[in-house]
Amino acid sequence: MTARQPWGALHDEVLRDLYPDFPTCVVAIVLGRSERAVYQRARDLRVGKSAEYLAGPYAGRLGRGDGRGAGTRFRPGAVSA
């Protein structure tokens, strides 16, 4: 377990610049922090992901019409186990 590192003004500025448009794992590497710490600090600063990021492939969202997960969904008339 690592010691806690205080967030400084420079860290907050980098977070505000990078977090909206880059995967959180990348922001965590740049800042030298865990992803959880980055998520929590972004929440505290009220920084969110941009609409462009959320519409892109790295957001991991379903419902973009590309058929993700279609093979594992119940089809009409299917009976559960």
C-alpha atoms as a PDB file:
ATOM      1  CA  MET A   1       0.000   0.000   0.000  1.00  0.00           C
ATOM      2  CA  THR A   2       1.365   3.394  -0.926  1.00  0.00           C
ATOM      3  CA  ALA A   3       1.259   6.521   1.152  1.00  0.00           C
ATOM      4  CA  ARG A   4      -1.377   9.105   0.363  1.00  0.00           C
ATOM      5  CA  GLN A   5      -0.281  11.953  -1.863  1.00  0.00           C
ATOM      6  CA  PRO A   6      -1.967  15.317  -1.502  1.00  0.00           C
ATOM      7  CA  TRP A   7      -3.527  16.803  -4.609  1.00  0.00           C
ATOM      8  CA  GLY A   8      -1.893  20.089  -5.559  1.00  0.00           C
ATOM      9  CA  ALA A   9      -3.051  22.829  -7.901  1.00  0.00           C
ATOM     10  CA  LEU A  10      -0.873  21.459 -10.726  1.00  0.00           C
ATOM     11  CA  HIS A  11      -2.352  17.961 -10.342  1.00  0.00           C
ATOM     12  CA  ASP A  12      -5.867  19.396 -10.421  1.00  0.00           C
ATOM     13  CA  GLU A  13      -5.044  21.403 -13.550  1.00  0.00           C
ATOM     14  CA  VAL A  14      -3.685  18.329 -15.344  1.00  0.00           C
ATOM     15  CA  LEU A  15      -6.761  16.351 -14.284  1.00  0.00           C
ATOM     16  CA  ARG A  16      -9.109  19.050 -15.603  1.00  0.00           C
ATOM     17  CA  ASP A  17      -7.220  19.134 -18.918  1.00  0.00           C
ATOM     18  CA  LEU A  18      -6.913  15.390 -19.536  1.00  0.00           C
ATOM     19  CA  TYR A  19      -9.852  13.690 -17.819  1.00  0.00           C
ATOM     20  CA  PRO A  20     -12.635  14.775 -20.217  1.00  0.00           C
ATOM     21  CA  ASP A  21     -10.973  13.388 -23.352  1.00  0.00           C
ATOM     22  CA  PHE A  22      -8.711  10.505 -22.294  1.00  0.00           C
ATOM     23  CA  PRO A  23      -9.277   7.107 -20.680  1.00  0.00           C
ATOM     24  CA  THR A  24      -8.997   7.279 -16.911  1.00  0.00           C
ATOM     25  CA  CYS A  25      -6.188   4.712 -16.907  1.00  0.00           C
ATOM     26  CA  VAL A  26      -4.070   7.088 -19.025  1.00  0.00           C
ATOM     27  CA  VAL A  27      -4.785  10.025 -16.716  1.00  0.00           C
ATOM     28  CA  ALA A  28      -3.839   7.854 -13.728  1.00  0.00           C
ATOM     29  CA  ILE A  29      -0.486   6.947 -15.304  1.00  0.00           C
ATOM     30  CA  VAL A  30       0.295  10.581 -16.122  1.00  0.00           C
ATOM     31  CA  LEU A  31      -0.524  11.653 -12.568  1.00  0.00           C
ATOM     32  CA  GLY A  32       1.106   8.632 -10.925  1.00  0.00           C
ATOM     33  CA  ARG A  33      -2.074   7.729  -9.072  1.00  0.00           C
ATOM     34  CA  SER A  34      -4.582   4.916  -8.998  1.00  0.00           C
ATOM     35  CA  GLU A  35      -7.635   4.985 -11.236  1.00  0.00           C
ATOM     36  CA  ARG A  36      -9.820   5.070  -8.144  1.00  0.00           C
ATOM     37  CA  ALA A  37      -8.028   8.192  -6.884  1.00  0.00           C
ATOM     38  CA  VAL A  38      -8.512   9.861 -10.270  1.00  0.00           C
ATOM     39  CA  TYR A  39     -12.223   8.974 -10.365  1.00  0.00           C
ATOM     40  CA  GLN A  40     -12.719  10.322  -6.850  1.00  0.00           C
ATOM     41  CA  ARG A  41     -10.826  13.560  -7.482  1.00  0.00           C
ATOM     42  CA  ALA A  42     -12.688  14.123 -10.765  1.00  0.00           C
ATOM     43  CA  ARG A  43     -15.954  13.688  -8.876  1.00  0.00           C
ATOM     44  CA  ASP A  44     -14.813  16.126  -6.176  1.00  0.00           C
ATOM     45  CA  LEU A  45     -13.844  18.700  -8.819  1.00  0.00           C
ATOM     46  CA  ARG A  46     -17.047  18.004 -10.783  1.00  0.00           C
ATOM     47  CA  VAL A  47     -15.127  17.129 -13.926  1.00  0.00           C
ATOM     48  CA  GLY A  48     -16.780  14.703 -16.302  1.00  0.00           C
ATOM     49  CA  LYS A  49     -16.079  12.994 -19.585  1.00  0.00           C
ATOM     50  CA  SER A  50     -16.784  14.969 -22.762  1.00  0.00           C
ATOM     51  CA  ALA A  51     -19.599  14.036 -25.138  1.00  0.00           C
ATOM     52  CA  GLU A  52     -17.008  13.219 -27.814  1.00  0.00           C
ATOM     53  CA  TYR A  53     -15.240  10.774 -25.491  1.00  0.00           C
ATOM     54  CA  LEU A  54     -18.481   9.120 -24.413  1.00  0.00           C
ATOM     55  CA  ALA A  55     -19.495   8.630 -28.057  1.00  0.00           C
ATOM     56  CA  GLY A  56     -16.143   7.061 -28.923  1.00  0.00           C
ATOM     57  CA  PRO A  57     -14.905   3.490 -28.726  1.00  0.00           C
ATOM     58  CA  TYR A  58     -12.942   3.882 -25.479  1.00  0.00           C
ATOM     59  CA  ALA A  59     -16.007   4.745 -23.412  1.00  0.00           C
ATOM     60  CA  GLY A  60     -17.193   1.126 -23.486  1.00  0.00           C
ATOM     61  CA  ARG A  61     -20.817   2.067 -23.813  1.00  0.00           C
ATOM     62  CA  LEU A  62     -23.423  -0.158 -25.375  1.00  0.00           C
ATOM     63  CA  GLY A  63     -26.185   0.964 -27.657  1.00  0.00           C
ATOM     64  CA  ARG A  64     -24.080   2.430 -30.441  1.00  0.00           C
ATOM     65  CA  GLY A  65     -25.705   0.089 -32.929  1.00  0.00           C
ATOM     66  CA  ASP A  66     -22.569  -1.963 -33.519  1.00  0.00           C
ATOM     67  CA  GLY A  67     -24.089  -5.236 -32.264  1.00  0.00           C
ATOM     68  CA  ARG A  68     -22.026  -5.547 -29.103  1.00  0.00           C
ATOM     69  CA  GLY A  69     -23.447  -8.223 -26.862  1.00  0.00           C
ATOM     70  CA  ALA A  70     -26.049  -9.313 -29.409  1.00  0.00           C
ATOM     71  CA  GLY A  71     -24.867 -12.916 -29.238  1.00  0.00           C
ATOM     72  CA  THR A  72     -25.623 -13.187 -25.520  1.00  0.00           C
ATOM     73  CA  ARG A  73     -29.005 -11.485 -25.379  1.00  0.00           C
ATOM     74  CA  PHE A  74     -32.299 -13.329 -25.007  1.00  0.00           C
ATOM     75  CA  ARG A  75     -34.209 -13.496 -28.246  1.00  0.00           C
ATOM     76  CA  PRO A  76     -37.993 -13.255 -28.432  1.00  0.00           C
ATOM     77  CA  GLY A  77     -39.505 -16.561 -27.388  1.00  0.00           C
ATOM     78  CA  ALA A  78     -36.357 -17.850 -25.695  1.00  0.00           C
ATOM     79  CA  VAL A  79     -36.815 -19.691 -22.384  1.00  0.00           C
ATOM     80  CA  SER A  80     -34.389 -19.121 -19.515  1.00  0.00           C
ATOM     81  CA  ALA A  81     -32.574 -22.036 -17.934  1.00  0.00           C
END
